[in-house]
Amino acid sequence: MMELVKILFSKVLPGCMIVMILGITMPSQGEPGNQLDEVTAGPAPVLAVMTEAQSSYDLGNMLQPVDPGAAREAYIESADGWRRAINSGINNGRIWTNLGNAEFRAGRLGLAVAAYLEADSLMPGDATVGSNLALARNQVPARFDSEGVTVLYDTVSDGWHVLGFDVRWWMAGICWIGFWVILAVRFARGTSRSEESEGSSLAWRGGLAVLAAVAIISGTTVALDATEDAWRTPGVLVEESVVRTGNGETFAAVFSEPLPEGVEFDLIESRPGWHHVNFADGRTGWIRSDHVRMIGS
């Protein structure tokens, strides 16, 4: 039994720790930048579109110090290219990140936040996406303080998203398999408690407890990430919009001023031309559907 315990602490648990360490990446610094080589290549025409989009983005970077207006046009052209590639069927977190970067530099903050949220839904916990999303959110002039269950969930999920979705999935699987292997070997050996030293018993019980805890916690966070879309339908304002008490222009405004692009919300219900939404501070209202971008739609 002691040999099994040694294997547990020398092989299985260090393996889990290595997976954890490899899953932690440093957030990007400064303004976001695109990387074409991280985007999955598609058919030749689509790859040509993505290459052109990247070239327009690079051109914008070159023009930014000398001609901001021309640089903005280049960034918009880049964003249009990334969007065409997405519409053609290339759908992954990196291409959405590139779209968000182009929109951010073009000054279209709402579209940038929306693109980063799409990337985050495809790559939960990715450090680059999280850093760029936080940078874009900090530029939104209107902020809402979360409350209740939403703030609790968001605060806790920020902690587990330090590790990527795939890393936590593998951790859960490895530790769960390790738990059952050790338990099966334990019963197969048939060692009675009277034949077992106190140190040996404590070691294997502790090992099982650690493996079970890591498997349960990792598995739970993976399940929550996978099912979040079922109970939250997020969206972003992509244009300045007046929030109203009902689904029509004649209803009174909820806020004293229109909300700027980039403000996020959760969808409550939809009616023709309008969305009933809930903001992070608990206030609700109706906004025009052509002023928003729903995530995952």
Foldseek 3Di string as FASTA:
>chain_A
DVVLLCCLVVPQVVVLVVLQVVQFDAEDDDADDADLVVFDDDPPVLNVLLVQLNVLQVVLVVCCVPPNVSSLVSLVSSLVSLVVSVVVPRDALRSLQSNLSSCVSNVQLQSNLLSLVLSCLRKPLDRHSVNNNVVSLVPFPDDAAADDPVVVVVVVSVVVSSGILVSLVVLLVSLVVSLVVLVVVVVVVVDDPVNDDPVVVVSSVVSNVVSVVSNVVSVVSSVCSVCVVVPWWKKWFSAFWFFFADDDPPGDGPDPGTGGTGFMWTFDDDDVQWTWTAHRNGDITITGPVRMDIHPD
